[in-house]
Amino acid sequence: MAGLGFLWSIIIGLLAGAIAGWIMKGKGSGFLLNILLGLIGSVVGGWVYGLLGVSSSGGKWGALVMSTIGAIVLLFVVSLFRGKKD
């Protein structure tokens, strides 16, 4: 059952990417890229929380919130580099 934590991390990252894409609407990068950014955003969220000294002690829900915030930040940064397609 040691791999279950890793599996939950992936599931939470996938959910975070989907939620972040939904929240960012026009800033998203398509469903698959949003999910990939959600996985990376999980790491970014953990890093940002660490810098701020905030603990995500809310279990899986806290991790989902942290990951979603990280994914939103990452989607925003990516959207700045991509520019407008108009």
PDB file of N, CA and C in Angstrom:
ATOM      1  N   MET A   1       0.814  -1.195   0.000  1.00  0.00           N
ATOM      2  CA  MET A   1       0.000   0.000   0.000  1.00  0.00           C
ATOM      3  C   MET A   1       0.856   1.256   0.000  1.00  0.00           C
ATOM      4  N   ALA A   2       2.162   1.127  -0.149  1.00  0.00           N
ATOM      5  CA  ALA A   2       3.028   2.298  -0.162  1.00  0.00           C
ATOM      6  C   ALA A   2       2.774   3.154  -1.394  1.00  0.00           C
ATOM      7  N   GLY A   3       2.356   2.557  -2.505  1.00  0.00           N
ATOM      8  CA  GLY A   3       2.098   3.292  -3.726  1.00  0.00           C
ATOM      9  C   GLY A   3       0.784   4.045  -3.714  1.00  0.00           C
ATOM     10  N   LEU A   4      -0.047   3.820  -2.701  1.00  0.00           N
ATOM     11  CA  LEU A   4      -1.345   4.472  -2.631  1.00  0.00           C
ATOM     12  C   LEU A   4      -1.203   5.979  -2.441  1.00  0.00           C
ATOM     13  N   GLY A   5      -0.222   6.424  -1.690  1.00  0.00           N
ATOM     14  CA  GLY A   5       0.023   7.861  -1.512  1.00  0.00           C
ATOM     15  C   GLY A   5       0.380   8.520  -2.832  1.00  0.00           C
ATOM     16  N   PHE A   6       1.189   7.833  -3.636  1.00  0.00           N
ATOM     17  CA  PHE A   6       1.575   8.346  -4.947  1.00  0.00           C
ATOM     18  C   PHE A   6       0.356   8.409  -5.860  1.00  0.00           C
ATOM     19  N   LEU A   7      -0.492   7.382  -5.805  1.00  0.00           N
ATOM     20  CA  LEU A   7      -1.705   7.349  -6.610  1.00  0.00           C
ATOM     21  C   LEU A   7      -2.636   8.500  -6.230  1.00  0.00           C
ATOM     22  N   TRP A   8      -2.795   8.740  -4.932  1.00  0.00           N
ATOM     23  CA  TRP A   8      -3.630   9.850  -4.480  1.00  0.00           C
ATOM     24  C   TRP A   8      -3.055  11.178  -4.946  1.00  0.00           C
ATOM     25  N   SER A   9      -1.744  11.312  -4.949  1.00  0.00           N
ATOM     26  CA  SER A   9      -1.103  12.545  -5.425  1.00  0.00           C
ATOM     27  C   SER A   9      -1.440  12.791  -6.881  1.00  0.00           C
ATOM     28  N   ILE A  10      -1.425  11.746  -7.680  1.00  0.00           N
ATOM     29  CA  ILE A  10      -1.750  11.874  -9.101  1.00  0.00           C
ATOM     30  C   ILE A  10      -3.222  12.241  -9.278  1.00  0.00           C
ATOM     31  N   ILE A  11      -4.096  11.569  -8.542  1.00  0.00           N
ATOM     32  CA  ILE A  11      -5.534  11.848  -8.643  1.00  0.00           C
ATOM     33  C   ILE A  11      -5.823  13.288  -8.227  1.00  0.00           C
ATOM     34  N   ILE A  12      -5.222  13.735  -7.144  1.00  0.00           N
ATOM     35  CA  ILE A  12      -5.437  15.100  -6.673  1.00  0.00           C
ATOM     36  C   ILE A  12      -4.886  16.095  -7.695  1.00  0.00           C
ATOM     37  N   GLY A  13      -3.729  15.804  -8.275  1.00  0.00           N
ATOM     38  CA  GLY A  13      -3.165  16.674  -9.300  1.00  0.00           C
ATOM     39  C   GLY A  13      -4.053  16.765 -10.527  1.00  0.00           C
ATOM     40  N   LEU A  14      -4.629  15.640 -10.935  1.00  0.00           N
ATOM     41  CA  LEU A  14      -5.539  15.631 -12.077  1.00  0.00           C
ATOM     42  C   LEU A  14      -6.792  16.458 -11.796  1.00  0.00           C
ATOM     43  N   LEU A  15      -7.355  16.265 -10.611  1.00  0.00           N
ATOM     44  CA  LEU A  15      -8.530  17.045 -10.220  1.00  0.00           C
ATOM     45  C   LEU A  15      -8.204  18.530 -10.139  1.00  0.00           C
ATOM     46  N   ALA A  16      -7.038  18.840  -9.581  1.00  0.00           N
ATOM     47  CA  ALA A  16      -6.625  20.238  -9.455  1.00  0.00           C
ATOM     48  C   ALA A  16      -6.488  20.892 -10.823  1.00  0.00           C
ATOM     49  N   GLY A  17      -5.940  20.176 -11.785  1.00  0.00           N
ATOM     50  CA  GLY A  17      -5.805  20.710 -13.138  1.00  0.00           C
ATOM     51  C   GLY A  17      -7.153  20.970 -13.784  1.00  0.00           C
ATOM     52  N   ALA A  18      -8.081  20.038 -13.597  1.00  0.00           N
ATOM     53  CA  ALA A  18      -9.424  20.211 -14.161  1.00  0.00           C
ATOM     54  C   ALA A  18     -10.133  21.398 -13.508  1.00  0.00           C
ATOM     55  N   ILE A  19     -10.034  21.511 -12.196  1.00  0.00           N
ATOM     56  CA  ILE A  19     -10.674  22.619 -11.474  1.00  0.00           C
ATOM     57  C   ILE A  19     -10.038  23.945 -11.863  1.00  0.00           C
ATOM     58  N   ALA A  20      -8.709  23.982 -11.938  1.00  0.00           N
ATOM     59  CA  ALA A  20      -8.007  25.219 -12.298  1.00  0.00           C
ATOM     60  C   ALA A  20      -8.379  25.655 -13.712  1.00  0.00           C
ATOM     61  N   GLY A  21      -8.489  24.712 -14.637  1.00  0.00           N
ATOM     62  CA  GLY A  21      -8.891  25.039 -15.998  1.00  0.00           C
ATOM     63  C   GLY A  21     -10.301  25.606 -16.029  1.00  0.00           C
ATOM     64  N   TRP A  22     -11.181  25.060 -15.195  1.00  0.00           N
ATOM     65  CA  TRP A  22     -12.551  25.541 -15.121  1.00  0.00           C
ATOM     66  C   TRP A  22     -12.594  26.954 -14.532  1.00  0.00           C
ATOM     67  N   ILE A  23     -11.793  27.199 -13.495  1.00  0.00           N
ATOM     68  CA  ILE A  23     -11.760  28.510 -12.846  1.00  0.00           C
ATOM     69  C   ILE A  23     -11.153  29.564 -13.770  1.00  0.00           C
ATOM     70  N   MET A  24     -10.095  29.205 -14.463  1.00  0.00           N
ATOM     71  CA  MET A  24      -9.383  30.162 -15.308  1.00  0.00           C
ATOM     72  C   MET A  24     -10.053  30.370 -16.666  1.00  0.00           C
ATOM     73  N   LYS A  25     -10.993  29.568 -17.043  1.00  0.00           N
ATOM     74  CA  LYS A  25     -11.739  29.590 -18.299  1.00  0.00           C
ATOM     75  C   LYS A  25     -10.899  30.032 -19.477  1.00  0.00           C
ATOM     76  N   GLY A  26     -10.864  31.316 -19.812  1.00  0.00           N
ATOM     77  CA  GLY A  26     -10.170  31.797 -20.995  1.00  0.00           C
ATOM     78  C   GLY A  26      -8.658  31.664 -20.925  1.00  0.00           C
ATOM     79  N   LYS A  27      -8.112  31.442 -19.750  1.00  0.00           N
ATOM     80  CA  LYS A  27      -6.669  31.348 -19.584  1.00  0.00           C
ATOM     81  C   LYS A  27      -6.174  29.913 -19.660  1.00  0.00           C
ATOM     82  N   GLY A  28      -7.110  28.985 -19.791  1.00  0.00           N
ATOM     83  CA  GLY A  28      -6.750  27.572 -19.824  1.00  0.00           C
ATOM     84  C   GLY A  28      -6.028  27.201 -21.109  1.00  0.00           C
ATOM     85  N   SER A  29      -5.528  26.001 -21.148  1.00  0.00           N
ATOM     86  CA  SER A  29      -4.736  25.562 -22.284  1.00  0.00           C
ATOM     87  C   SER A  29      -5.279  24.275 -22.884  1.00  0.00           C
ATOM     88  N   GLY A  30      -6.542  23.995 -22.696  1.00  0.00           N
ATOM     89  CA  GLY A  30      -7.101  22.744 -23.164  1.00  0.00           C
ATOM     90  C   GLY A  30      -7.095  21.731 -22.031  1.00  0.00           C
ATOM     91  N   PHE A  31      -8.003  20.790 -22.108  1.00  0.00           N
ATOM     92  CA  PHE A  31      -8.219  19.856 -21.011  1.00  0.00           C
ATOM     93  C   PHE A  31      -6.965  19.066 -20.637  1.00  0.00           C
ATOM     94  N   LEU A  32      -6.298  18.465 -21.615  1.00  0.00           N
ATOM     95  CA  LEU A  32      -5.131  17.625 -21.303  1.00  0.00           C
ATOM     96  C   LEU A  32      -3.973  18.442 -20.739  1.00  0.00           C
ATOM     97  N   LEU A  33      -3.719  19.603 -21.328  1.00  0.00           N
ATOM     98  CA  LEU A  33      -2.625  20.431 -20.816  1.00  0.00           C
ATOM     99  C   LEU A  33      -2.967  20.975 -19.433  1.00  0.00           C
ATOM    100  N   ASN A  34      -4.248  21.301 -19.203  1.00  0.00           N
ATOM    101  CA  ASN A  34      -4.657  21.760 -17.870  1.00  0.00           C
ATOM    102  C   ASN A  34      -4.406  20.679 -16.826  1.00  0.00           C
ATOM    103  N   ILE A  35      -4.683  19.432 -17.179  1.00  0.00           N
ATOM    104  CA  ILE A  35      -4.454  18.333 -16.239  1.00  0.00           C
ATOM    105  C   ILE A  35      -2.961  18.169 -15.974  1.00  0.00           C
ATOM    106  N   LEU A  36      -2.157  18.250 -17.021  1.00  0.00           N
ATOM    107  CA  LEU A  36      -0.703  18.162 -16.842  1.00  0.00           C
ATOM    108  C   LEU A  36      -0.210  19.313 -15.971  1.00  0.00           C
ATOM    109  N   LEU A  37      -0.720  20.506 -16.224  1.00  0.00           N
ATOM    110  CA  LEU A  37      -0.341  21.654 -15.401  1.00  0.00           C
ATOM    111  C   LEU A  37      -0.844  21.490 -13.970  1.00  0.00           C
ATOM    112  N   GLY A  38      -1.947  20.781 -13.793  1.00  0.00           N
ATOM    113  CA  GLY A  38      -2.443  20.491 -12.443  1.00  0.00           C
ATOM    114  C   GLY A  38      -1.481  19.599 -11.681  1.00  0.00           C
ATOM    115  N   LEU A  39      -0.926  18.616 -12.375  1.00  0.00           N
ATOM    116  CA  LEU A  39       0.070  17.751 -11.731  1.00  0.00           C
ATOM    117  C   LEU A  39       1.299  18.566 -11.322  1.00  0.00           C
ATOM    118  N   ILE A  40       1.753  19.402 -12.229  1.00  0.00           N
ATOM    119  CA  ILE A  40       2.909  20.253 -11.912  1.00  0.00           C
ATOM    120  C   ILE A  40       2.514  21.292 -10.870  1.00  0.00           C
ATOM    121  N   GLY A  41       1.276  21.783 -10.973  1.00  0.00           N
ATOM    122  CA  GLY A  41       0.775  22.764 -10.016  1.00  0.00           C
ATOM    123  C   GLY A  41       0.719  22.236  -8.600  1.00  0.00           C
ATOM    124  N   SER A  42       0.560  20.933  -8.454  1.00  0.00           N
ATOM    125  CA  SER A  42       0.592  20.331  -7.120  1.00  0.00           C
ATOM    126  C   SER A  42       1.938  20.584  -6.466  1.00  0.00           C
ATOM    127  N   VAL A  43       2.972  20.428  -7.237  1.00  0.00           N
ATOM    128  CA  VAL A  43       4.324  20.674  -6.725  1.00  0.00           C
ATOM    129  C   VAL A  43       4.510  22.164  -6.445  1.00  0.00           C
ATOM    130  N   VAL A  44       4.049  23.002  -7.389  1.00  0.00           N
ATOM    131  CA  VAL A  44       4.166  24.456  -7.214  1.00  0.00           C
ATOM    132  C   VAL A  44       3.390  24.902  -5.981  1.00  0.00           C
ATOM    133  N   GLY A  45       2.173  24.370  -5.802  1.00  0.00           N
ATOM    134  CA  GLY A  45       1.369  24.720  -4.630  1.00  0.00           C
ATOM    135  C   GLY A  45       2.056  24.350  -3.332  1.00  0.00           C
ATOM    136  N   GLY A  46       2.660  23.166  -3.294  1.00  0.00           N
ATOM    137  CA  GLY A  46       3.397  22.751  -2.100  1.00  0.00           C
ATOM    138  C   GLY A  46       4.580  23.663  -1.825  1.00  0.00           C
ATOM    139  N   TRP A  47       5.240  24.081  -2.880  1.00  0.00           N
ATOM    140  CA  TRP A  47       6.397  24.974  -2.742  1.00  0.00           C
ATOM    141  C   TRP A  47       5.959  26.342  -2.227  1.00  0.00           C
ATOM    142  N   VAL A  48       4.869  26.897  -2.817  1.00  0.00           N
ATOM    143  CA  VAL A  48       4.355  28.201  -2.400  1.00  0.00           C
ATOM    144  C   VAL A  48       3.874  28.141  -0.956  1.00  0.00           C
ATOM    145  N   TYR A  49       3.151  27.082  -0.607  1.00  0.00           N
ATOM    146  CA  TYR A  49       2.698  26.928   0.771  1.00  0.00           C
ATOM    147  C   TYR A  49       3.887  26.879   1.724  1.00  0.00           C
ATOM    148  N   GLY A  50       4.955  26.181   1.326  1.00  0.00           N
ATOM    149  CA  GLY A  50       6.155  26.103   2.144  1.00  0.00           C
ATOM    150  C   GLY A  50       6.807  27.466   2.330  1.00  0.00           C
ATOM    151  N   LEU A  51       6.851  28.262   1.258  1.00  0.00           N
ATOM    152  CA  LEU A  51       7.428  29.606   1.343  1.00  0.00           C
ATOM    153  C   LEU A  51       6.625  30.503   2.277  1.00  0.00           C
ATOM    154  N   LEU A  52       5.318  30.335   2.250  1.00  0.00           N
ATOM    155  CA  LEU A  52       4.447  31.151   3.089  1.00  0.00           C
ATOM    156  C   LEU A  52       4.331  30.615   4.507  1.00  0.00           C
ATOM    157  N   GLY A  53       4.872  29.435   4.748  1.00  0.00           N
ATOM    158  CA  GLY A  53       4.794  28.831   6.068  1.00  0.00           C
ATOM    159  C   GLY A  53       3.420  28.278   6.395  1.00  0.00           C
ATOM    160  N   VAL A  54       2.631  27.988   5.345  1.00  0.00           N
ATOM    161  CA  VAL A  54       1.282  27.470   5.534  1.00  0.00           C
ATOM    162  C   VAL A  54       1.336  25.950   5.432  1.00  0.00           C
ATOM    163  N   SER A  55       0.578  25.297   6.282  1.00  0.00           N
ATOM    164  CA  SER A  55       0.521  23.838   6.268  1.00  0.00           C
ATOM    165  C   SER A  55      -0.817  23.397   5.690  1.00  0.00           C
ATOM    166  N   SER A  56      -0.778  22.429   4.795  1.00  0.00           N
ATOM    167  CA  SER A  56      -2.035  21.888   4.263  1.00  0.00           C
ATOM    168  C   SER A  56      -2.407  20.654   5.075  1.00  0.00           C
ATOM    169  N   SER A  57      -2.798  20.899   6.306  1.00  0.00           N
ATOM    170  CA  SER A  57      -3.108  19.795   7.206  1.00  0.00           C
ATOM    171  C   SER A  57      -4.538  19.302   7.063  1.00  0.00           C
ATOM    172  N   GLY A  58      -5.210  19.702   5.989  1.00  0.00           N
ATOM    173  CA  GLY A  58      -6.595  19.311   5.791  1.00  0.00           C
ATOM    174  C   GLY A  58      -6.742  17.971   5.103  1.00  0.00           C
ATOM    175  N   GLY A  59      -5.709  17.145   5.131  1.00  0.00           N
ATOM    176  CA  GLY A  59      -5.786  15.838   4.489  1.00  0.00           C
ATOM    177  C   GLY A  59      -5.879  15.968   2.983  1.00  0.00           C
ATOM    178  N   LYS A  60      -6.686  15.132   2.386  1.00  0.00           N
ATOM    179  CA  LYS A  60      -6.824  15.140   0.926  1.00  0.00           C
ATOM    180  C   LYS A  60      -7.493  16.412   0.425  1.00  0.00           C
ATOM    181  N   TRP A  61      -8.441  16.960   1.180  1.00  0.00           N
ATOM    182  CA  TRP A  61      -9.092  18.204   0.773  1.00  0.00           C
ATOM    183  C   TRP A  61      -8.116  19.368   0.812  1.00  0.00           C
ATOM    184  N   GLY A  62      -7.296  19.408   1.840  1.00  0.00           N
ATOM    185  CA  GLY A  62      -6.281  20.466   1.927  1.00  0.00           C
ATOM    186  C   GLY A  62      -5.281  20.365   0.795  1.00  0.00           C
ATOM    187  N   ALA A  63      -4.896  19.142   0.461  1.00  0.00           N
ATOM    188  CA  ALA A  63      -3.976  18.934  -0.650  1.00  0.00           C
ATOM    189  C   ALA A  63      -4.615  19.345  -1.967  1.00  0.00           C
ATOM    190  N   LEU A  64      -5.921  19.085  -2.126  1.00  0.00           N
ATOM    191  CA  LEU A  64      -6.622  19.479  -3.348  1.00  0.00           C
ATOM    192  C   LEU A  64      -6.664  20.999  -3.477  1.00  0.00           C
ATOM    193  N   VAL A  65      -6.949  21.684  -2.393  1.00  0.00           N
ATOM    194  CA  VAL A  65      -6.977  23.152  -2.421  1.00  0.00           C
ATOM    195  C   VAL A  65      -5.586  23.687  -2.748  1.00  0.00           C
ATOM    196  N   MET A  66      -4.564  23.170  -2.082  1.00  0.00           N
ATOM    197  CA  MET A  66      -3.190  23.596  -2.318  1.00  0.00           C
ATOM    198  C   MET A  66      -2.796  23.348  -3.772  1.00  0.00           C
ATOM    199  N   SER A  67      -3.120  22.185  -4.292  1.00  0.00           N
ATOM    200  CA  SER A  67      -2.778  21.834  -5.666  1.00  0.00           C
ATOM    201  C   SER A  67      -3.529  22.705  -6.666  1.00  0.00           C
ATOM    202  N   THR A  68      -4.781  22.988  -6.378  1.00  0.00           N
ATOM    203  CA  THR A  68      -5.574  23.830  -7.269  1.00  0.00           C
ATOM    204  C   THR A  68      -5.008  25.238  -7.317  1.00  0.00           C
ATOM    205  N   ILE A  69      -4.625  25.777  -6.179  1.00  0.00           N
ATOM    206  CA  ILE A  69      -4.016  27.110  -6.142  1.00  0.00           C
ATOM    207  C   ILE A  69      -2.713  27.108  -6.943  1.00  0.00           C
ATOM    208  N   GLY A  70      -1.916  26.081  -6.773  1.00  0.00           N
ATOM    209  CA  GLY A  70      -0.674  25.975  -7.547  1.00  0.00           C
ATOM    210  C   GLY A  70      -0.934  25.878  -9.036  1.00  0.00           C
ATOM    211  N   ALA A  71      -1.948  25.124  -9.417  1.00  0.00           N
ATOM    212  CA  ALA A  71      -2.289  24.971 -10.832  1.00  0.00           C
ATOM    213  C   ALA A  71      -2.818  26.279 -11.416  1.00  0.00           C
ATOM    214  N   ILE A  72      -3.601  27.026 -10.641  1.00  0.00           N
ATOM    215  CA  ILE A  72      -4.099  28.323 -11.101  1.00  0.00           C
ATOM    216  C   ILE A  72      -2.935  29.277 -11.334  1.00  0.00           C
ATOM    217  N   VAL A  73      -2.006  29.319 -10.390  1.00  0.00           N
ATOM    218  CA  VAL A  73      -0.822  30.170 -10.547  1.00  0.00           C
ATOM    219  C   VAL A  73      -0.051  29.765 -11.795  1.00  0.00           C
ATOM    220  N   LEU A  74       0.137  28.489 -11.981  1.00  0.00           N
ATOM    221  CA  LEU A  74       0.880  27.991 -13.136  1.00  0.00           C
ATOM    222  C   LEU A  74       0.148  28.303 -14.441  1.00  0.00           C
ATOM    223  N   LEU A  75      -1.169  28.112 -14.488  1.00  0.00           N
ATOM    224  CA  LEU A  75      -1.942  28.451 -15.684  1.00  0.00           C
ATOM    225  C   LEU A  75      -1.846  29.942 -15.992  1.00  0.00           C
ATOM    226  N   PHE A  76      -1.857  30.762 -14.960  1.00  0.00           N
ATOM    227  CA  PHE A  76      -1.743  32.204 -15.155  1.00  0.00           C
ATOM    228  C   PHE A  76      -0.382  32.556 -15.752  1.00  0.00           C
ATOM    229  N   VAL A  77       0.675  31.987 -15.211  1.00  0.00           N
ATOM    230  CA  VAL A  77       2.026  32.258 -15.722  1.00  0.00           C
ATOM    231  C   VAL A  77       2.157  31.778 -17.171  1.00  0.00           C
ATOM    232  N   VAL A  78       1.653  30.591 -17.469  1.00  0.00           N
ATOM    233  CA  VAL A  78       1.711  30.062 -18.830  1.00  0.00           C
ATOM    234  C   VAL A  78       0.929  30.968 -19.774  1.00  0.00           C
ATOM    235  N   SER A  79      -0.230  31.483 -19.330  1.00  0.00           N
ATOM    236  CA  SER A  79      -1.029  32.354 -20.187  1.00  0.00           C
ATOM    237  C   SER A  79      -0.305  33.656 -20.488  1.00  0.00           C
ATOM    238  N   LEU A  80       0.536  34.124 -19.563  1.00  0.00           N
ATOM    239  CA  LEU A  80       1.309  35.345 -19.809  1.00  0.00           C
ATOM    240  C   LEU A  80       2.314  35.126 -20.940  1.00  0.00           C
ATOM    241  N   PHE A  81       2.909  33.949 -20.989  1.00  0.00           N
ATOM    242  CA  PHE A  81       3.901  33.655 -22.028  1.00  0.00           C
ATOM    243  C   PHE A  81       3.266  33.332 -23.366  1.00  0.00           C
ATOM    244  N   ARG A  82       2.064  32.786 -23.341  1.00  0.00           N
ATOM    245  CA  ARG A  82       1.402  32.401 -24.588  1.00  0.00           C
ATOM    246  C   ARG A  82       0.817  33.601 -25.312  1.00  0.00           C
ATOM    247  N   GLY A  83       0.449  34.636 -24.579  1.00  0.00           N
ATOM    248  CA  GLY A  83      -0.156  35.811 -25.197  1.00  0.00           C
ATOM    249  C   GLY A  83      -1.549  35.533 -25.700  1.00  0.00           C
ATOM    250  N   LYS A  84      -2.113  36.522 -26.357  1.00  0.00           N
ATOM    251  CA  LYS A  84      -3.465  36.373 -26.899  1.00  0.00           C
ATOM    252  C   LYS A  84      -3.396  35.838 -28.309  1.00  0.00           C
ATOM    253  N   LYS A  85      -4.374  35.015 -28.674  1.00  0.00           N
ATOM    254  CA  LYS A  85      -4.421  34.432 -30.009  1.00  0.00           C
ATOM    255  C   LYS A  85      -5.206  35.303 -30.983  1.00  0.00           C
ATOM    256  N   ASP A  86      -5.784  36.401 -30.508  1.00  0.00           N
ATOM    257  CA  ASP A  86      -6.619  37.249 -31.371  1.00  0.00           C
ATOM    258  C   ASP A  86      -5.816  37.951 -32.402  1.00  0.00           C
TER     259      ASP A  86
END
